[in-house]
Amino acid sequence: MLRSSAILSLAFFLPLPLMAEPLQEAGQKADQTASVPQEQATPAQEKPKQLLLISFDGAHDNALWTKSRDIARRANNAHFTYFLSCTTLIPRSASKGYQAPGKKAGRSNVGFAPTVEDVTTRLDNLWNAHLEGHEIGSHVCGHFDGKDWSKADWLSEFSTFRTTLANAWKANGVGDKEPQGWQDFAAHGVKGVRAPYLSAPDSLVEAEKAFGFAFDASLVTKGPALPQQDGSVTRFGLPLIPEGPQNRRIIGMDYNLFVRHSAGIDNPSRSQEFEERTYAAFKSAFEDQYNGERIPVQFGFHFVEMNAGAYWRAMERLVTDVCQRTDVACVSYSEAMDILAKRQAPPRS
């Protein structure tokens, strides 16, 4: 059950409630076995693999790091994308060292880590997830709404994220535990961004291009859609999917369902009902593409088990079912980009 303090902080991690009805709107290099799933050559009439992308925003609670990694292992070693908020790598005692654009030093909408020990456990989870083939993305740092930020503001927050990640072990007094390969990972391993609140002004994309990010995952699309590509940043969008008795469309993300189902107030007595509704919506959206055009399907989650875990249970049921299929690949955003690029490449002569 969500504690009242968790509910209070939850609103800062998540897309704004208005988006619930949006159209009313250690110590070694990454394991080489954690590679991009390869598609086998198939006759021209056969469909490509169906891609499923599962992602998490915030990525703070260490218990849920462990739980999500276990789910992935049971789901045929699925690969997830974790969008990290960098203030979760800063203990509360050092909070004054962080300053977001236009904010006072030491402010963060998602708070800071309670202790150095909490940070150290998170770093261990993050590194091991990386070794297992999962992707770490940027949810920037203090989870502020950047709708009015300039390109320079976004670049400042991106730089803070990268610096915080690179220095995390040393800054928390455990530099001797830093894994070999961490600095290369911090400099080159984080390839994409999801903006807090899915707030994605033009200045965000301009900054992503200037900073060298490969993808953005902050869009919302009318249904499953191929990513937008301009030769620089590939832009993915969470889809609007039919849900509930009236099949009203909603963003395929746990918080939006939480707002629709229980007005954003935890209601554990109806948890199973909400799980069944969510699973039915996710499974239907997936099967429509699996039996149709095979456009990648994306669903988003947070590191809070809303409505007594209804949405995480629905996710676990989905991935443990469909990720076992030989013609399905449950992949990270970067892996999806590689697979889609190979599909679109002209055949060799």
Protein backbone atom coordinates (compact mmCIF):
# COMPACT_ATOMS: atom_id res chain seq x y z
CA MET A 1 0.00 0.00 0.00
CA LEU A 2 1.30 3.49 -0.80
CA ARG A 3 2.25 5.42 2.29
CA SER A 4 0.86 8.95 2.43
CA SER A 5 4.37 10.36 2.06
CA ALA A 6 4.91 8.23 -1.06
CA ILE A 7 1.67 9.53 -2.57
CA LEU A 8 2.77 13.09 -1.92
CA SER A 9 6.10 12.61 -3.63
CA LEU A 10 4.56 10.57 -6.44
CA ALA A 11 2.97 13.57 -8.11
CA PHE A 12 6.40 15.04 -8.66
CA PHE A 13 7.74 11.96 -10.43
CA LEU A 14 4.89 11.66 -12.85
CA PRO A 15 3.14 13.19 -15.86
CA LEU A 16 0.57 15.78 -14.88
CA PRO A 17 -2.92 14.41 -14.08
CA LEU A 18 -4.34 16.27 -17.08
CA MET A 19 -2.56 13.75 -19.24
CA ALA A 20 -4.81 10.98 -17.96
CA GLU A 21 -7.28 12.08 -20.64
CA PRO A 22 -4.85 13.56 -23.15
CA LEU A 23 -7.05 13.69 -26.20
CA GLN A 24 -9.58 15.64 -24.41
CA GLU A 25 -7.06 15.72 -24.30
CA ALA A 26 31.10 -4.77 -10.26
CA GLY A 27 34.40 -4.20 -11.86
CA GLN A 28 34.21 -5.53 -15.40
CA LYS A 29 33.11 -4.41 -18.81
CA ALA A 30 29.54 -5.07 -19.79
CA ASP A 31 28.89 -8.73 -20.51
CA GLN A 32 29.16 -9.31 -24.23
CA THR A 33 26.20 -11.68 -24.06
CA ALA A 34 23.92 -8.73 -23.27
CA SER A 35 23.79 -7.76 -26.94
CA VAL A 36 21.08 -6.50 -29.22
CA PRO A 37 18.61 -9.29 -30.01
CA GLN A 38 19.31 -10.39 -33.56
CA GLU A 39 16.56 -10.93 -36.07
CA GLN A 40 16.99 -14.03 -38.19
CA ALA A 41 16.77 -13.69 -41.93
CA THR A 42 13.23 -14.55 -42.99
CA PRO A 43 11.42 -14.88 -46.28
CA ALA A 44 10.06 -11.57 -47.56
CA GLN A 45 6.45 -12.52 -46.78
CA GLU A 46 7.16 -13.17 -43.10
CA LYS A 47 6.62 -10.44 -40.54
CA PRO A 48 9.48 -8.94 -38.56
CA LYS A 49 9.69 -9.48 -34.84
CA GLN A 50 7.23 -7.57 -32.70
CA LEU A 51 9.13 -5.17 -30.45
CA LEU A 52 7.98 -4.41 -26.90
CA LEU A 53 9.62 -1.58 -24.96
CA ILE A 54 9.10 -1.39 -21.19
CA SER A 55 10.51 1.64 -19.35
CA PHE A 56 10.58 3.08 -15.85
CA ASP A 57 10.76 6.75 -14.83
CA GLY A 58 12.60 7.85 -11.69
CA ALA A 59 14.30 4.50 -10.97
CA HIS A 60 14.90 5.24 -7.29
CA ASP A 61 13.49 2.54 -4.95
CA ASN A 62 16.15 -0.15 -4.51
CA ALA A 63 13.60 -2.86 -3.76
CA LEU A 64 11.95 -2.17 -7.12
CA TRP A 65 15.31 -2.22 -8.90
CA THR A 66 15.71 -5.77 -7.62
CA LYS A 67 12.12 -6.71 -8.41
CA SER A 68 12.18 -5.35 -11.97
CA ARG A 69 15.47 -7.11 -12.75
CA ASP A 70 14.00 -10.37 -11.47
CA ILE A 71 10.91 -9.89 -13.65
CA ALA A 72 13.15 -9.35 -16.68
CA ARG A 73 15.07 -12.56 -16.03
CA ARG A 74 11.85 -14.55 -15.80
CA ALA A 75 10.62 -12.92 -19.01
CA ASN A 76 13.21 -14.56 -21.23
CA ASN A 77 15.86 -12.02 -20.18
CA ALA A 78 13.89 -9.04 -21.41
CA HIS A 79 15.73 -5.72 -21.52
CA PHE A 80 14.13 -2.66 -19.90
CA THR A 81 15.00 1.05 -20.03
CA TYR A 82 15.43 2.90 -16.72
CA PHE A 83 15.15 6.70 -16.88
CA LEU A 84 17.17 7.85 -13.87
CA SER A 85 16.68 11.08 -11.91
CA CYS A 86 20.19 12.09 -10.87
CA THR A 87 19.21 13.56 -7.49
CA THR A 88 18.67 9.95 -6.35
CA LEU A 89 22.48 9.66 -6.52
CA ILE A 90 22.92 12.63 -4.15
CA PRO A 91 22.40 12.13 -0.41
CA ARG A 92 20.20 14.66 1.34
CA SER A 93 23.22 15.89 3.29
CA ALA A 94 24.81 17.06 0.01
CA SER A 95 21.67 18.50 -1.57
CA LYS A 96 22.99 22.09 -1.69
CA GLY A 97 25.43 20.96 -4.36
CA TYR A 98 22.58 20.63 -6.88
CA GLN A 99 20.88 23.61 -8.50
CA ALA A 100 18.34 23.29 -11.32
CA PRO A 101 17.79 26.06 -13.88
CA GLY A 102 15.87 28.92 -12.28
CA LYS A 103 15.67 27.19 -8.88
CA LYS A 104 17.36 27.67 -5.53
CA ALA A 105 20.23 25.35 -4.64
CA GLY A 106 19.11 22.18 -2.89
CA ARG A 107 15.62 22.04 -4.43
CA SER A 108 14.28 18.91 -6.12
CA ASN A 109 10.73 17.83 -6.88
CA VAL A 110 11.71 14.24 -6.11
CA GLY A 111 13.91 14.88 -3.13
CA PHE A 112 17.31 13.30 -2.62
CA ALA A 113 18.63 9.96 -1.41
CA PRO A 114 18.14 9.49 2.33
CA THR A 115 21.65 8.15 3.01
CA VAL A 116 24.98 7.34 1.40
CA GLU A 117 24.21 3.65 1.91
CA ASP A 118 21.00 4.05 -0.11
CA VAL A 119 22.97 5.65 -2.95
CA THR A 120 25.59 2.90 -2.88
CA THR A 121 22.94 0.21 -3.18
CA ARG A 122 21.34 2.09 -6.06
CA LEU A 123 24.66 2.41 -7.87
CA ASP A 124 25.18 -1.33 -7.51
CA ASN A 125 21.71 -2.02 -8.90
CA LEU A 126 22.25 0.41 -11.76
CA TRP A 127 25.61 -1.08 -12.76
CA ASN A 128 24.40 -4.66 -12.59
CA ALA A 129 21.31 -3.78 -14.63
CA HIS A 130 23.67 -2.30 -17.22
CA LEU A 131 25.71 -5.52 -17.27
CA GLU A 132 22.48 -7.51 -17.73
CA GLY A 133 21.72 -5.60 -20.93
CA HIS A 134 19.23 -3.08 -19.57
CA GLU A 135 19.51 0.55 -20.63
CA ILE A 136 20.01 3.54 -18.36
CA GLY A 137 18.45 6.72 -19.73
CA SER A 138 18.28 10.25 -18.36
CA HIS A 139 15.21 11.62 -16.56
CA VAL A 140 17.46 14.62 -15.90
CA CYS A 141 17.81 15.53 -12.23
CA GLY A 142 15.30 17.36 -10.06
CA HIS A 143 12.15 16.46 -12.02
CA PHE A 144 11.11 20.02 -12.81
CA ASP A 145 8.72 20.88 -15.63
CA GLY A 146 10.96 22.24 -18.38
CA LYS A 147 8.21 23.51 -20.69
CA ASP A 148 9.62 27.05 -20.44
CA TRP A 149 13.29 26.11 -20.30
CA SER A 150 15.68 27.37 -22.93
CA LYS A 151 18.14 25.20 -24.81
CA ALA A 152 20.83 26.43 -22.40
CA ASP A 153 18.71 25.40 -19.40
CA TRP A 154 18.29 21.86 -20.72
CA LEU A 155 22.01 21.65 -21.54
CA SER A 156 22.81 22.69 -17.97
CA GLU A 157 20.61 19.94 -16.56
CA PHE A 158 22.08 17.38 -18.97
CA SER A 159 25.60 18.33 -17.88
CA THR A 160 24.63 18.06 -14.22
CA PHE A 161 23.23 14.59 -14.85
CA ARG A 162 26.38 13.38 -16.60
CA THR A 163 28.72 14.88 -13.98
CA THR A 164 26.66 13.47 -11.10
CA LEU A 165 26.68 10.02 -12.68
CA ALA A 166 30.41 10.09 -13.42
CA ASN A 167 31.33 11.25 -9.89
CA ALA A 168 28.72 9.24 -7.98
CA TRP A 169 31.01 6.65 -6.39
CA LYS A 170 33.73 9.10 -5.37
CA ALA A 171 31.29 11.79 -4.22
CA ASN A 172 29.65 9.31 -1.88
CA GLY A 173 32.94 8.21 -0.36
CA VAL A 174 33.05 4.81 -2.04
CA GLY A 175 35.41 5.55 -4.90
CA ASP A 176 37.30 2.33 -4.20
CA LYS A 177 34.16 0.40 -5.18
CA GLU A 178 33.73 2.09 -8.56
CA PRO A 179 33.57 -0.63 -11.25
CA GLN A 180 36.05 -0.70 -14.08
CA GLY A 181 34.29 0.78 -17.08
CA TRP A 182 32.08 3.16 -15.08
CA GLN A 183 33.61 6.32 -16.52
CA ASP A 184 33.14 5.12 -20.09
CA PHE A 185 29.55 4.20 -19.25
CA ALA A 186 28.89 7.63 -17.69
CA ALA A 187 30.37 9.42 -20.71
CA HIS A 188 28.88 7.31 -23.50
CA GLY A 189 26.36 4.79 -22.14
CA VAL A 190 23.39 7.09 -21.53
CA LYS A 191 21.97 7.66 -24.99
CA GLY A 192 18.48 9.06 -24.46
CA VAL A 193 16.13 11.19 -22.40
CA ARG A 194 12.58 11.18 -21.13
CA ALA A 195 11.53 14.62 -19.97
CA PRO A 196 9.76 14.92 -16.60
CA TYR A 197 5.98 15.24 -17.06
CA LEU A 198 6.55 14.33 -20.73
CA SER A 199 7.08 18.07 -21.17
CA ALA A 200 8.99 18.34 -24.43
CA PRO A 201 9.34 21.85 -25.92
CA ASP A 202 11.39 22.48 -29.05
CA SER A 203 14.25 23.63 -26.83
CA LEU A 204 14.52 20.10 -25.42
CA VAL A 205 15.16 18.56 -28.82
CA GLU A 206 17.60 21.31 -29.74
CA ALA A 207 19.54 20.60 -26.56
CA GLU A 208 19.45 16.84 -27.10
CA LYS A 209 20.99 17.30 -30.54
CA ALA A 210 23.68 19.62 -29.22
CA PHE A 211 24.51 17.27 -26.34
CA GLY A 212 24.74 14.24 -28.59
CA PHE A 213 21.79 12.19 -27.36
CA ALA A 214 20.52 9.60 -29.83
CA PHE A 215 16.87 9.38 -28.77
CA ASP A 216 14.07 11.08 -26.91
CA ALA A 217 11.14 9.20 -25.35
CA SER A 218 8.93 12.12 -24.30
CA LEU A 219 6.24 12.11 -26.98
CA VAL A 220 2.64 10.86 -26.80
CA THR A 221 1.20 9.34 -29.97
CA LYS A 222 -2.39 8.53 -31.02
CA GLY A 223 -1.56 4.83 -30.93
CA PRO A 224 1.55 2.68 -31.40
CA ALA A 225 3.69 4.55 -33.93
CA LEU A 226 7.09 4.24 -35.52
CA PRO A 227 9.56 6.71 -34.02
CA GLN A 228 10.09 10.05 -35.69
CA GLN A 229 13.54 10.37 -37.27
CA ASP A 230 15.31 13.44 -38.57
CA GLY A 231 18.80 12.00 -38.94
CA SER A 232 19.86 13.24 -35.50
CA VAL A 233 17.51 12.47 -32.59
CA THR A 234 15.03 9.60 -32.89
CA ARG A 235 11.81 10.48 -31.05
CA PHE A 236 9.65 7.76 -29.47
CA GLY A 237 6.16 8.23 -28.05
CA LEU A 238 4.07 6.43 -25.46
CA PRO A 239 0.82 5.45 -27.21
CA LEU A 240 -2.77 6.25 -26.42
CA ILE A 241 -4.52 2.90 -26.02
CA PRO A 242 -8.17 1.88 -25.46
CA GLU A 243 -8.90 1.02 -21.82
CA GLY A 244 -11.83 0.16 -19.59
CA PRO A 245 -15.48 -0.69 -20.24
CA GLN A 246 -15.90 2.20 -22.68
CA ASN A 247 -12.52 1.73 -24.39
CA ARG A 248 -11.57 5.35 -23.82
CA ARG A 249 -8.02 6.07 -24.87
CA ILE A 250 -5.34 6.83 -22.31
CA ILE A 251 -1.56 7.04 -22.27
CA GLY A 252 -0.04 3.59 -21.80
CA MET A 253 1.55 4.55 -18.49
CA ASP A 254 0.82 3.47 -14.93
CA TYR A 255 0.25 6.92 -13.43
CA ASN A 256 -2.35 7.90 -16.01
CA LEU A 257 -4.23 4.68 -15.24
CA PHE A 258 -3.87 5.40 -11.51
CA VAL A 259 -5.58 8.78 -11.99
CA ARG A 260 -8.37 7.31 -14.11
CA HIS A 261 -9.01 4.31 -11.88
CA SER A 262 -8.88 5.93 -8.45
CA ALA A 263 -8.33 9.67 -8.93
CA GLY A 264 -4.69 9.26 -7.95
CA ILE A 265 -5.59 7.96 -4.46
CA ASP A 266 -4.41 4.50 -3.50
CA ASN A 267 -7.34 2.05 -3.27
CA PRO A 268 -5.96 -1.42 -2.47
CA SER A 269 -9.45 -2.93 -2.11
CA ARG A 270 -9.88 -2.67 -5.91
CA SER A 271 -6.31 -3.60 -6.82
CA GLN A 272 -7.23 -6.84 -8.59
CA GLU A 273 -9.93 -5.10 -10.63
CA PHE A 274 -7.46 -2.41 -11.72
CA GLU A 275 -4.88 -5.06 -12.57
CA GLU A 276 -7.34 -6.92 -14.81
CA ARG A 277 -8.38 -3.72 -16.60
CA THR A 278 -4.76 -2.75 -17.16
CA TYR A 279 -3.64 -6.18 -18.33
CA ALA A 280 -6.57 -6.38 -20.76
CA ALA A 281 -5.68 -2.96 -22.21
CA PHE A 282 -1.96 -3.73 -22.49
CA LYS A 283 -2.51 -7.17 -23.96
CA SER A 284 -5.05 -5.92 -26.50
CA ALA A 285 -2.76 -3.11 -27.67
CA PHE A 286 0.11 -5.56 -27.99
CA GLU A 287 -1.88 -8.25 -29.83
CA ASP A 288 -3.28 -5.68 -32.27
CA GLN A 289 0.25 -4.96 -33.45
CA TYR A 290 1.48 -8.53 -33.15
CA ASN A 291 -1.34 -9.65 -35.46
CA GLY A 292 -1.11 -6.52 -37.58
CA GLU A 293 1.63 -4.16 -38.73
CA ARG A 294 4.17 -5.08 -36.02
CA ILE A 295 4.77 -1.46 -35.01
CA PRO A 296 6.78 -1.32 -31.75
CA VAL A 297 4.64 -1.13 -28.60
CA GLN A 298 5.76 0.93 -25.59
CA PHE A 299 4.49 1.07 -22.00
CA GLY A 300 5.80 3.26 -19.19
CA PHE A 301 5.96 2.75 -15.42
CA HIS A 302 7.32 4.37 -12.29
CA PHE A 303 9.20 3.06 -9.28
CA VAL A 304 6.07 3.26 -7.11
CA GLU A 305 3.57 0.40 -6.90
CA MET A 306 0.33 2.36 -7.24
CA ASN A 307 -2.98 0.79 -6.24
CA ALA A 308 -1.17 -1.93 -4.30
CA GLY A 309 0.94 -2.99 -7.28
CA ALA A 310 -1.88 -3.40 -9.82
CA TYR A 311 0.08 -1.91 -12.72
CA TRP A 312 3.35 -3.70 -12.03
CA ARG A 313 1.49 -7.01 -11.79
CA ALA A 314 -0.17 -6.33 -15.15
CA MET A 315 3.22 -5.53 -16.64
CA GLU A 316 4.76 -8.69 -15.21
CA ARG A 317 1.96 -10.83 -16.64
CA LEU A 318 2.40 -9.25 -20.06
CA VAL A 319 6.16 -9.62 -20.33
CA THR A 320 6.32 -13.15 -18.89
CA ASP A 321 3.78 -14.16 -21.55
CA VAL A 322 4.78 -12.37 -24.74
CA CYS A 323 8.57 -12.09 -24.28
CA GLN A 324 8.78 -15.89 -24.49
CA ARG A 325 7.55 -15.88 -28.09
CA THR A 326 10.23 -16.45 -30.69
CA ASP A 327 8.88 -13.66 -32.90
CA VAL A 328 8.85 -11.06 -30.10
CA ALA A 329 11.82 -9.01 -28.86
CA CYS A 330 11.51 -7.20 -25.52
CA VAL A 331 14.20 -4.59 -25.90
CA SER A 332 15.55 -1.25 -24.74
CA TYR A 333 15.14 1.95 -26.72
CA SER A 334 18.68 1.80 -28.12
CA GLU A 335 18.21 -1.81 -29.15
CA ALA A 336 14.93 -0.92 -30.85
CA MET A 337 16.70 1.84 -32.78
CA ASP A 338 19.34 -0.62 -34.01
CA ILE A 339 16.75 -3.21 -35.03
CA LEU A 340 14.58 -0.67 -36.86
CA ALA A 341 17.62 0.78 -38.64
CA LYS A 342 18.56 -2.68 -39.93
CA ARG A 343 15.02 -3.22 -41.19
CA GLN A 344 15.11 0.03 -43.10
CA ALA A 345 18.58 -0.45 -44.55
CA PRO A 346 18.61 -1.11 -48.30
CA PRO A 347 19.39 -4.74 -49.22
CA ARG A 348 22.97 -5.48 -50.18
CA SER A 349 23.54 -6.01 -53.87
